[in-house]
Amino acid sequence: MPVDYRTAFELAPIGLVLSANRLIVDCNRQLLSMFGADHGQLVGRSFEVLYPSLIEFERTGARIIASLDQGGFYADDRVMKRVGSGELFWCHVSGRALDPADPHAQGIWSFEDLSAHRRLKVDLTAREREIAALLIDGLSSKMIGRRLGISPRTVDVYRARLMKKYAAGSTPELIHKMLSA
């Protein structure tokens, strides 16, 4: 029995996107459902519509270019925005640039909604969301600073803001509170 790749794409249990130059070329039903959008709201549009802000869209694009492995793979957890409601939610995104030398030319991306396990409980700035995601990934201030192109001391300032917003007395407590539903 031959494999029907279109059916597999459409019925995959995670959101899938084919991209070209950071535009959504095609996406499956699960992605449309996750983002509360219809096909016409996403196909042919920039990924920017899925981000909380233009600055997060731009920073993520730069981070992807800087962080691709040799095979063109990239993955992270980030805050995304539902198109229909504007609701922000945690999402695991992984993908592959088909040409690692030109990461945004063409790609295949998967999106997994993490909101059942990780909820946004407080309002965070774009930079706070980036740092929160990297803290959850276990990165140190020095590693976060390197990844974001800021000083470790600046990361510590943002970590302190996050700790205050979440009423956490330590980094492990902060991470626990950010991850708890």
N, C-alpha and C. Protein backbone atom coordinates (compact mmCIF):
# COMPACT_ATOMS: atom_id res chain seq x y z
N MET A 1 0.85 -1.18 0.00
CA MET A 1 0.00 0.00 0.00
C MET A 1 0.89 1.24 0.00
N PRO A 2 0.78 2.09 -1.02
CA PRO A 2 1.63 3.29 -1.07
C PRO A 2 1.24 4.30 0.02
N VAL A 3 2.25 5.03 0.48
CA VAL A 3 2.03 6.05 1.51
C VAL A 3 1.48 7.32 0.86
N ASP A 4 0.42 7.84 1.43
CA ASP A 4 -0.16 9.09 0.96
C ASP A 4 0.41 10.20 1.85
N TYR A 5 1.46 10.86 1.38
CA TYR A 5 2.14 11.86 2.19
C TYR A 5 1.27 13.05 2.54
N ARG A 6 0.38 13.43 1.66
CA ARG A 6 -0.51 14.56 1.95
C ARG A 6 -1.43 14.24 3.12
N THR A 7 -1.96 13.04 3.13
CA THR A 7 -2.83 12.63 4.25
C THR A 7 -2.03 12.58 5.54
N ALA A 8 -0.83 12.04 5.49
CA ALA A 8 0.03 11.99 6.69
C ALA A 8 0.32 13.41 7.20
N PHE A 9 0.60 14.33 6.30
CA PHE A 9 0.86 15.73 6.67
C PHE A 9 -0.37 16.33 7.33
N GLU A 10 -1.52 16.17 6.72
CA GLU A 10 -2.76 16.76 7.23
C GLU A 10 -3.18 16.19 8.58
N LEU A 11 -2.96 14.90 8.80
CA LEU A 11 -3.46 14.24 10.00
C LEU A 11 -2.40 14.05 11.08
N ALA A 12 -1.23 14.62 10.91
CA ALA A 12 -0.16 14.49 11.91
C ALA A 12 -0.66 15.02 13.26
N PRO A 13 -0.19 14.42 14.37
CA PRO A 13 -0.67 14.84 15.69
C PRO A 13 -0.05 16.14 16.20
N ILE A 14 0.84 16.74 15.44
CA ILE A 14 1.43 18.03 15.80
C ILE A 14 1.26 18.98 14.62
N GLY A 15 1.41 20.28 14.89
CA GLY A 15 1.31 21.26 13.82
C GLY A 15 2.54 21.19 12.93
N LEU A 16 2.33 21.20 11.63
CA LEU A 16 3.43 21.16 10.67
C LEU A 16 3.32 22.33 9.70
N VAL A 17 4.49 22.87 9.33
CA VAL A 17 4.54 24.00 8.40
C VAL A 17 5.69 23.78 7.43
N LEU A 18 5.42 24.08 6.17
CA LEU A 18 6.47 24.20 5.16
C LEU A 18 6.67 25.69 4.94
N SER A 19 7.94 26.12 4.94
CA SER A 19 8.20 27.57 4.85
C SER A 19 9.19 27.90 3.74
N ALA A 20 9.13 29.14 3.31
CA ALA A 20 10.09 29.70 2.37
C ALA A 20 10.27 31.17 2.72
N ASN A 21 11.50 31.55 3.01
CA ASN A 21 11.82 32.94 3.35
C ASN A 21 10.94 33.48 4.47
N ARG A 22 10.72 32.66 5.49
CA ARG A 22 9.94 32.97 6.68
C ARG A 22 8.46 33.24 6.37
N LEU A 23 8.00 32.72 5.23
CA LEU A 23 6.58 32.75 4.89
C LEU A 23 6.03 31.35 5.02
N ILE A 24 4.78 31.22 5.41
CA ILE A 24 4.12 29.93 5.54
C ILE A 24 3.63 29.52 4.16
N VAL A 25 4.24 28.48 3.60
CA VAL A 25 3.87 27.98 2.27
C VAL A 25 2.69 27.02 2.38
N ASP A 26 2.70 26.19 3.43
CA ASP A 26 1.61 25.26 3.67
C ASP A 26 1.63 24.89 5.15
N CYS A 27 0.47 24.48 5.67
CA CYS A 27 0.39 24.05 7.06
C CYS A 27 -0.73 23.03 7.16
N ASN A 28 -0.69 22.26 8.24
CA ASN A 28 -1.71 21.22 8.40
C ASN A 28 -2.84 21.65 9.33
N ARG A 29 -3.83 20.78 9.45
CA ARG A 29 -5.02 21.07 10.26
C ARG A 29 -4.68 21.30 11.73
N GLN A 30 -3.74 20.52 12.26
CA GLN A 30 -3.39 20.64 13.67
C GLN A 30 -2.81 22.02 13.97
N LEU A 31 -1.99 22.56 13.06
CA LEU A 31 -1.45 23.90 13.26
C LEU A 31 -2.56 24.94 13.23
N LEU A 32 -3.48 24.80 12.28
CA LEU A 32 -4.60 25.74 12.20
C LEU A 32 -5.42 25.71 13.48
N SER A 33 -5.68 24.53 13.99
CA SER A 33 -6.44 24.39 15.23
C SER A 33 -5.69 25.00 16.41
N MET A 34 -4.40 24.71 16.51
CA MET A 34 -3.58 25.21 17.61
C MET A 34 -3.57 26.73 17.66
N PHE A 35 -3.47 27.36 16.50
CA PHE A 35 -3.37 28.82 16.44
C PHE A 35 -4.72 29.50 16.23
N GLY A 36 -5.80 28.72 16.17
CA GLY A 36 -7.13 29.30 16.02
C GLY A 36 -7.28 30.10 14.74
N ALA A 37 -6.77 29.54 13.65
CA ALA A 37 -6.77 30.26 12.37
C ALA A 37 -7.35 29.37 11.28
N ASP A 38 -7.69 30.00 10.17
CA ASP A 38 -8.06 29.21 9.01
C ASP A 38 -6.93 29.31 7.99
N HIS A 39 -6.99 28.45 7.01
CA HIS A 39 -5.92 28.32 6.01
C HIS A 39 -5.55 29.68 5.38
N GLY A 40 -6.55 30.45 5.02
CA GLY A 40 -6.31 31.74 4.38
C GLY A 40 -5.64 32.77 5.27
N GLN A 41 -5.75 32.62 6.58
CA GLN A 41 -5.11 33.56 7.51
C GLN A 41 -3.62 33.30 7.66
N LEU A 42 -3.16 32.10 7.26
CA LEU A 42 -1.76 31.77 7.47
C LEU A 42 -0.97 31.53 6.19
N VAL A 43 -1.51 30.77 5.26
CA VAL A 43 -0.76 30.42 4.06
C VAL A 43 -0.47 31.68 3.24
N GLY A 44 0.81 31.83 2.90
CA GLY A 44 1.27 33.01 2.17
C GLY A 44 1.66 34.17 3.07
N ARG A 45 1.45 34.01 4.37
CA ARG A 45 1.76 35.09 5.33
C ARG A 45 3.07 34.81 6.04
N SER A 46 3.61 35.84 6.62
CA SER A 46 4.84 35.74 7.41
C SER A 46 4.57 35.03 8.73
N PHE A 47 5.56 34.31 9.23
CA PHE A 47 5.47 33.70 10.56
C PHE A 47 5.22 34.76 11.63
N GLU A 48 5.47 36.00 11.32
CA GLU A 48 5.29 37.09 12.29
C GLU A 48 3.89 37.06 12.92
N VAL A 49 2.87 36.62 12.18
CA VAL A 49 1.50 36.59 12.72
C VAL A 49 1.36 35.64 13.91
N LEU A 50 2.32 34.73 14.09
CA LEU A 50 2.26 33.75 15.17
C LEU A 50 3.06 34.17 16.41
N TYR A 51 3.68 35.33 16.35
CA TYR A 51 4.53 35.80 17.45
C TYR A 51 3.84 36.91 18.24
N PRO A 52 4.15 37.00 19.54
CA PRO A 52 3.57 38.07 20.36
C PRO A 52 3.98 39.47 19.91
N SER A 53 5.18 39.59 19.31
CA SER A 53 5.64 40.91 18.88
C SER A 53 6.61 40.78 17.71
N LEU A 54 6.77 41.86 16.98
CA LEU A 54 7.71 41.91 15.86
C LEU A 54 9.13 41.66 16.36
N ILE A 55 9.50 42.21 17.50
CA ILE A 55 10.86 42.04 18.01
C ILE A 55 11.15 40.57 18.31
N GLU A 56 10.15 39.81 18.83
CA GLU A 56 10.37 38.38 19.10
C GLU A 56 10.51 37.60 17.80
N PHE A 57 9.75 37.97 16.79
CA PHE A 57 9.88 37.36 15.48
C PHE A 57 11.29 37.58 14.93
N GLU A 58 11.78 38.81 15.01
CA GLU A 58 13.10 39.15 14.48
C GLU A 58 14.21 38.46 15.28
N ARG A 59 14.11 38.49 16.61
CA ARG A 59 15.14 37.87 17.45
C ARG A 59 15.18 36.36 17.25
N THR A 60 14.02 35.75 17.12
CA THR A 60 13.99 34.30 16.90
C THR A 60 14.63 33.95 15.56
N GLY A 61 14.35 34.74 14.55
CA GLY A 61 14.98 34.51 13.24
C GLY A 61 16.49 34.57 13.32
N ALA A 62 17.00 35.56 14.05
CA ALA A 62 18.45 35.69 14.21
C ALA A 62 19.01 34.52 15.03
N ARG A 63 18.27 34.09 16.06
CA ARG A 63 18.71 32.98 16.90
C ARG A 63 18.75 31.68 16.09
N ILE A 64 17.80 31.48 15.21
CA ILE A 64 17.78 30.28 14.38
C ILE A 64 19.04 30.25 13.51
N ILE A 65 19.36 31.35 12.87
CA ILE A 65 20.55 31.42 12.02
C ILE A 65 21.80 31.11 12.83
N ALA A 66 21.90 31.66 14.03
CA ALA A 66 23.10 31.50 14.85
C ALA A 66 23.20 30.12 15.49
N SER A 67 22.08 29.42 15.62
CA SER A 67 22.08 28.19 16.43
C SER A 67 21.84 26.90 15.67
N LEU A 68 21.68 26.94 14.36
CA LEU A 68 21.46 25.71 13.60
C LEU A 68 22.62 24.75 13.80
N ASP A 69 22.32 23.47 13.91
CA ASP A 69 23.41 22.50 13.95
C ASP A 69 23.84 22.21 12.51
N GLN A 70 24.81 21.33 12.34
CA GLN A 70 25.35 21.06 11.00
C GLN A 70 24.33 20.49 10.04
N GLY A 71 23.33 19.80 10.56
CA GLY A 71 22.29 19.24 9.70
C GLY A 71 21.17 20.21 9.40
N GLY A 72 21.26 21.42 9.96
CA GLY A 72 20.23 22.42 9.72
C GLY A 72 19.07 22.36 10.71
N PHE A 73 19.25 21.63 11.82
CA PHE A 73 18.17 21.46 12.80
C PHE A 73 18.21 22.54 13.87
N TYR A 74 17.02 22.90 14.36
CA TYR A 74 16.87 23.89 15.43
C TYR A 74 15.63 23.53 16.24
N ALA A 75 15.69 23.76 17.56
CA ALA A 75 14.50 23.53 18.39
C ALA A 75 14.58 24.43 19.62
N ASP A 76 13.41 24.86 20.09
CA ASP A 76 13.32 25.60 21.35
C ASP A 76 11.88 25.61 21.84
N ASP A 77 11.70 26.08 23.06
CA ASP A 77 10.38 26.37 23.60
C ASP A 77 10.24 27.88 23.59
N ARG A 78 9.11 28.36 23.14
CA ARG A 78 8.91 29.81 23.08
C ARG A 78 7.45 30.14 23.28
N VAL A 79 7.18 31.40 23.55
CA VAL A 79 5.81 31.87 23.67
C VAL A 79 5.34 32.29 22.28
N MET A 80 4.17 31.78 21.90
CA MET A 80 3.57 32.11 20.60
C MET A 80 2.20 32.74 20.85
N LYS A 81 1.56 33.20 19.77
CA LYS A 81 0.28 33.89 19.89
C LYS A 81 -0.76 33.22 19.00
N ARG A 82 -1.92 32.93 19.58
CA ARG A 82 -3.02 32.38 18.79
C ARG A 82 -3.59 33.51 17.91
N VAL A 83 -3.78 33.21 16.65
CA VAL A 83 -4.25 34.21 15.69
C VAL A 83 -5.68 34.64 16.02
N GLY A 84 -6.54 33.67 16.30
CA GLY A 84 -7.94 33.98 16.53
C GLY A 84 -8.19 34.82 17.76
N SER A 85 -7.58 34.45 18.89
CA SER A 85 -7.87 35.11 20.17
C SER A 85 -6.80 36.08 20.65
N GLY A 86 -5.59 35.96 20.11
CA GLY A 86 -4.48 36.77 20.61
C GLY A 86 -3.87 36.21 21.89
N GLU A 87 -4.40 35.08 22.38
CA GLU A 87 -3.88 34.44 23.60
C GLU A 87 -2.43 34.01 23.39
N LEU A 88 -1.60 34.24 24.40
CA LEU A 88 -0.21 33.79 24.36
C LEU A 88 -0.12 32.42 25.01
N PHE A 89 0.75 31.56 24.47
CA PHE A 89 0.90 30.21 25.01
C PHE A 89 2.31 29.70 24.73
N TRP A 90 2.75 28.76 25.58
CA TRP A 90 4.05 28.12 25.38
C TRP A 90 3.94 27.09 24.27
N CYS A 91 4.96 27.05 23.43
CA CYS A 91 4.97 26.16 22.29
C CYS A 91 6.37 25.61 22.09
N HIS A 92 6.48 24.30 21.83
CA HIS A 92 7.77 23.71 21.45
C HIS A 92 7.84 23.74 19.93
N VAL A 93 8.89 24.34 19.40
CA VAL A 93 9.06 24.46 17.96
C VAL A 93 10.36 23.77 17.59
N SER A 94 10.30 22.89 16.61
CA SER A 94 11.52 22.29 16.08
C SER A 94 11.40 22.25 14.57
N GLY A 95 12.55 22.29 13.94
CA GLY A 95 12.50 22.28 12.49
C GLY A 95 13.85 22.08 11.87
N ARG A 96 13.82 22.13 10.57
CA ARG A 96 15.03 21.91 9.81
C ARG A 96 15.05 22.84 8.61
N ALA A 97 16.17 23.53 8.46
CA ALA A 97 16.41 24.32 7.25
C ALA A 97 16.88 23.34 6.19
N LEU A 98 16.26 23.37 5.02
CA LEU A 98 16.66 22.44 3.97
C LEU A 98 18.05 22.75 3.45
N ASP A 99 18.47 24.00 3.56
CA ASP A 99 19.83 24.40 3.19
C ASP A 99 20.43 25.15 4.39
N PRO A 100 21.25 24.48 5.21
CA PRO A 100 21.81 25.13 6.40
C PRO A 100 22.60 26.41 6.08
N ALA A 101 23.09 26.54 4.87
CA ALA A 101 23.82 27.76 4.49
C ALA A 101 22.87 28.95 4.28
N ASP A 102 21.61 28.67 4.05
CA ASP A 102 20.59 29.71 3.88
C ASP A 102 19.36 29.29 4.69
N PRO A 103 19.44 29.42 6.03
CA PRO A 103 18.46 28.83 6.93
C PRO A 103 17.00 29.21 6.69
N HIS A 104 16.74 30.40 6.20
CA HIS A 104 15.35 30.81 6.03
C HIS A 104 14.81 30.53 4.62
N ALA A 105 15.64 30.05 3.71
CA ALA A 105 15.20 29.83 2.33
C ALA A 105 14.03 28.86 2.27
N GLN A 106 14.19 27.69 2.87
CA GLN A 106 13.12 26.69 2.92
C GLN A 106 13.28 25.88 4.19
N GLY A 107 12.14 25.54 4.82
CA GLY A 107 12.22 24.76 6.04
C GLY A 107 10.98 23.94 6.29
N ILE A 108 11.15 23.01 7.20
CA ILE A 108 10.06 22.16 7.67
C ILE A 108 10.02 22.35 9.18
N TRP A 109 8.86 22.74 9.73
CA TRP A 109 8.74 23.09 11.14
C TRP A 109 7.60 22.35 11.80
N SER A 110 7.82 21.94 13.04
CA SER A 110 6.75 21.32 13.82
C SER A 110 6.47 22.18 15.05
N PHE A 111 5.21 22.25 15.44
CA PHE A 111 4.76 23.05 16.58
C PHE A 111 3.95 22.16 17.51
N GLU A 112 4.30 22.20 18.79
CA GLU A 112 3.57 21.43 19.79
C GLU A 112 3.11 22.37 20.89
N ASP A 113 1.81 22.43 21.10
CA ASP A 113 1.21 23.29 22.13
C ASP A 113 1.53 22.72 23.51
N LEU A 114 2.22 23.52 24.34
CA LEU A 114 2.60 23.08 25.69
C LEU A 114 1.67 23.64 26.76
N SER A 115 0.62 24.34 26.37
CA SER A 115 -0.21 25.05 27.34
C SER A 115 -0.91 24.12 28.34
N ALA A 116 -1.10 22.85 28.02
CA ALA A 116 -1.71 21.93 28.98
C ALA A 116 -0.77 21.65 30.15
N HIS A 117 0.54 21.84 29.93
CA HIS A 117 1.55 21.56 30.95
C HIS A 117 2.24 22.81 31.47
N ARG A 118 2.20 23.88 30.68
CA ARG A 118 2.93 25.09 31.05
C ARG A 118 2.07 26.30 30.70
N ARG A 119 1.64 27.01 31.72
CA ARG A 119 0.76 28.15 31.50
C ARG A 119 1.51 29.46 31.77
N LEU A 120 1.13 30.49 31.04
CA LEU A 120 1.63 31.83 31.32
C LEU A 120 0.77 32.41 32.43
N LYS A 121 1.38 32.68 33.58
CA LYS A 121 0.61 33.15 34.73
C LYS A 121 0.75 34.65 34.96
N VAL A 122 1.79 35.24 34.43
CA VAL A 122 2.00 36.68 34.61
C VAL A 122 2.34 37.30 33.26
N ASP A 123 2.13 38.60 33.18
CA ASP A 123 2.50 39.32 31.96
C ASP A 123 4.01 39.50 31.93
N LEU A 124 4.62 39.10 30.83
CA LEU A 124 6.06 39.23 30.67
C LEU A 124 6.37 40.05 29.42
N THR A 125 7.50 40.74 29.47
CA THR A 125 7.96 41.44 28.28
C THR A 125 8.54 40.44 27.30
N ALA A 126 8.80 40.87 26.08
CA ALA A 126 9.38 39.99 25.07
C ALA A 126 10.71 39.42 25.57
N ARG A 127 11.56 40.25 26.13
CA ARG A 127 12.87 39.78 26.61
C ARG A 127 12.71 38.84 27.80
N GLU A 128 11.76 39.12 28.68
CA GLU A 128 11.52 38.23 29.82
C GLU A 128 11.06 36.85 29.33
N ARG A 129 10.23 36.82 28.29
CA ARG A 129 9.78 35.53 27.74
C ARG A 129 10.96 34.75 27.17
N GLU A 130 11.85 35.44 26.47
CA GLU A 130 13.03 34.76 25.91
C GLU A 130 13.90 34.18 27.02
N ILE A 131 14.17 34.99 28.03
CA ILE A 131 15.03 34.54 29.12
C ILE A 131 14.35 33.43 29.92
N ALA A 132 13.05 33.54 30.15
CA ALA A 132 12.32 32.49 30.86
C ALA A 132 12.46 31.16 30.12
N ALA A 133 12.29 31.17 28.81
CA ALA A 133 12.39 29.94 28.02
C ALA A 133 13.78 29.33 28.14
N LEU A 134 14.81 30.16 28.12
CA LEU A 134 16.18 29.65 28.20
C LEU A 134 16.53 29.18 29.61
N LEU A 135 15.97 29.82 30.62
CA LEU A 135 16.16 29.34 32.00
C LEU A 135 15.52 27.96 32.16
N ILE A 136 14.34 27.80 31.60
CA ILE A 136 13.65 26.50 31.66
C ILE A 136 14.48 25.43 30.97
N ASP A 137 15.19 25.81 29.91
CA ASP A 137 16.05 24.87 29.20
C ASP A 137 17.33 24.55 29.97
N GLY A 138 17.55 25.23 31.12
CA GLY A 138 18.69 24.94 31.97
C GLY A 138 19.95 25.72 31.66
N LEU A 139 19.84 26.77 30.86
CA LEU A 139 21.02 27.55 30.51
C LEU A 139 21.41 28.50 31.65
N SER A 140 22.70 28.72 31.79
CA SER A 140 23.24 29.66 32.78
C SER A 140 23.13 31.08 32.23
N SER A 141 23.37 32.06 33.10
CA SER A 141 23.34 33.46 32.66
C SER A 141 24.35 33.71 31.55
N LYS A 142 25.52 33.11 31.69
CA LYS A 142 26.56 33.29 30.68
C LYS A 142 26.12 32.70 29.34
N MET A 143 25.53 31.51 29.37
CA MET A 143 25.07 30.86 28.13
C MET A 143 23.91 31.63 27.50
N ILE A 144 22.98 32.11 28.34
CA ILE A 144 21.85 32.91 27.83
C ILE A 144 22.36 34.19 27.20
N GLY A 145 23.30 34.85 27.90
CA GLY A 145 23.87 36.09 27.37
C GLY A 145 24.50 35.88 26.01
N ARG A 146 25.27 34.79 25.88
CA ARG A 146 25.91 34.49 24.60
C ARG A 146 24.87 34.26 23.52
N ARG A 147 23.82 33.49 23.85
CA ARG A 147 22.80 33.16 22.86
C ARG A 147 22.03 34.40 22.42
N LEU A 148 21.75 35.33 23.36
CA LEU A 148 20.94 36.51 23.04
C LEU A 148 21.77 37.74 22.68
N GLY A 149 23.09 37.64 22.82
CA GLY A 149 23.95 38.77 22.49
C GLY A 149 23.87 39.89 23.53
N ILE A 150 23.67 39.50 24.80
CA ILE A 150 23.64 40.47 25.89
C ILE A 150 24.59 40.00 26.98
N SER A 151 24.88 40.85 27.93
CA SER A 151 25.82 40.47 28.98
C SER A 151 25.15 39.55 30.00
N PRO A 152 25.94 38.69 30.66
CA PRO A 152 25.38 37.85 31.73
C PRO A 152 24.75 38.69 32.84
N ARG A 153 25.31 39.86 33.11
CA ARG A 153 24.75 40.74 34.13
C ARG A 153 23.34 41.21 33.74
N THR A 154 23.13 41.50 32.47
CA THR A 154 21.80 41.89 32.00
C THR A 154 20.83 40.72 32.17
N VAL A 155 21.29 39.51 31.89
CA VAL A 155 20.46 38.32 32.10
C VAL A 155 20.07 38.23 33.58
N ASP A 156 21.03 38.49 34.48
CA ASP A 156 20.74 38.44 35.92
C ASP A 156 19.69 39.47 36.32
N VAL A 157 19.72 40.64 35.70
CA VAL A 157 18.72 41.67 35.98
C VAL A 157 17.33 41.17 35.57
N TYR A 158 17.24 40.56 34.39
CA TYR A 158 15.95 40.02 33.94
C TYR A 158 15.51 38.85 34.81
N ARG A 159 16.46 38.01 35.23
CA ARG A 159 16.12 36.89 36.11
C ARG A 159 15.53 37.42 37.42
N ALA A 160 16.13 38.50 37.95
CA ALA A 160 15.62 39.11 39.18
C ALA A 160 14.19 39.62 38.98
N ARG A 161 13.92 40.23 37.83
CA ARG A 161 12.56 40.69 37.53
C ARG A 161 11.58 39.53 37.47
N LEU A 162 12.01 38.45 36.84
CA LEU A 162 11.16 37.25 36.76
C LEU A 162 10.90 36.69 38.15
N MET A 163 11.93 36.65 38.98
CA MET A 163 11.77 36.12 40.34
C MET A 163 10.78 36.97 41.13
N LYS A 164 10.84 38.29 40.94
CA LYS A 164 9.90 39.17 41.62
C LYS A 164 8.47 38.93 41.12
N LYS A 165 8.30 38.85 39.80
CA LYS A 165 6.97 38.65 39.23
C LYS A 165 6.36 37.31 39.65
N TYR A 166 7.19 36.30 39.80
CA TYR A 166 6.71 34.98 40.19
C TYR A 166 6.82 34.72 41.69
N ALA A 167 7.29 35.73 42.45
CA ALA A 167 7.47 35.61 43.90
C ALA A 167 8.29 34.36 44.24
N ALA A 168 9.43 34.23 43.56
CA ALA A 168 10.33 33.09 43.76
C ALA A 168 11.58 33.54 44.49
N GLY A 169 12.05 32.71 45.40
CA GLY A 169 13.23 33.05 46.18
C GLY A 169 14.53 32.51 45.60
N SER A 170 14.44 31.65 44.60
CA SER A 170 15.63 31.07 43.98
C SER A 170 15.33 30.73 42.53
N THR A 171 16.38 30.49 41.76
CA THR A 171 16.17 30.12 40.36
C THR A 171 15.43 28.79 40.24
N PRO A 172 15.77 27.75 41.01
CA PRO A 172 14.97 26.51 40.90
C PRO A 172 13.49 26.73 41.23
N GLU A 173 13.21 27.57 42.23
CA GLU A 173 11.82 27.86 42.56
C GLU A 173 11.14 28.61 41.42
N LEU A 174 11.86 29.54 40.81
CA LEU A 174 11.34 30.29 39.67
C LEU A 174 10.97 29.33 38.54
N ILE A 175 11.88 28.43 38.20
CA ILE A 175 11.63 27.48 37.12
C ILE A 175 10.44 26.60 37.45
N HIS A 176 10.37 26.14 38.69
CA HIS A 176 9.24 25.32 39.12
C HIS A 176 7.92 26.09 38.95
N LYS A 177 7.90 27.35 39.36
CA LYS A 177 6.67 28.15 39.24
C LYS A 177 6.31 28.43 37.80
N MET A 178 7.32 28.63 36.94
CA MET A 178 7.03 28.87 35.53
C MET A 178 6.50 27.60 34.86
N LEU A 179 6.93 26.45 35.32
CA LEU A 179 6.51 25.18 34.71
C LEU A 179 5.21 24.63 35.28
N SER A 180 4.87 25.03 36.51
CA SER A 180 3.67 24.46 37.13
C SER A 180 2.40 25.00 36.49
N ALA A 181 1.44 24.11 36.35
CA ALA A 181 0.19 24.51 35.68
C ALA A 181 -0.74 25.20 36.66
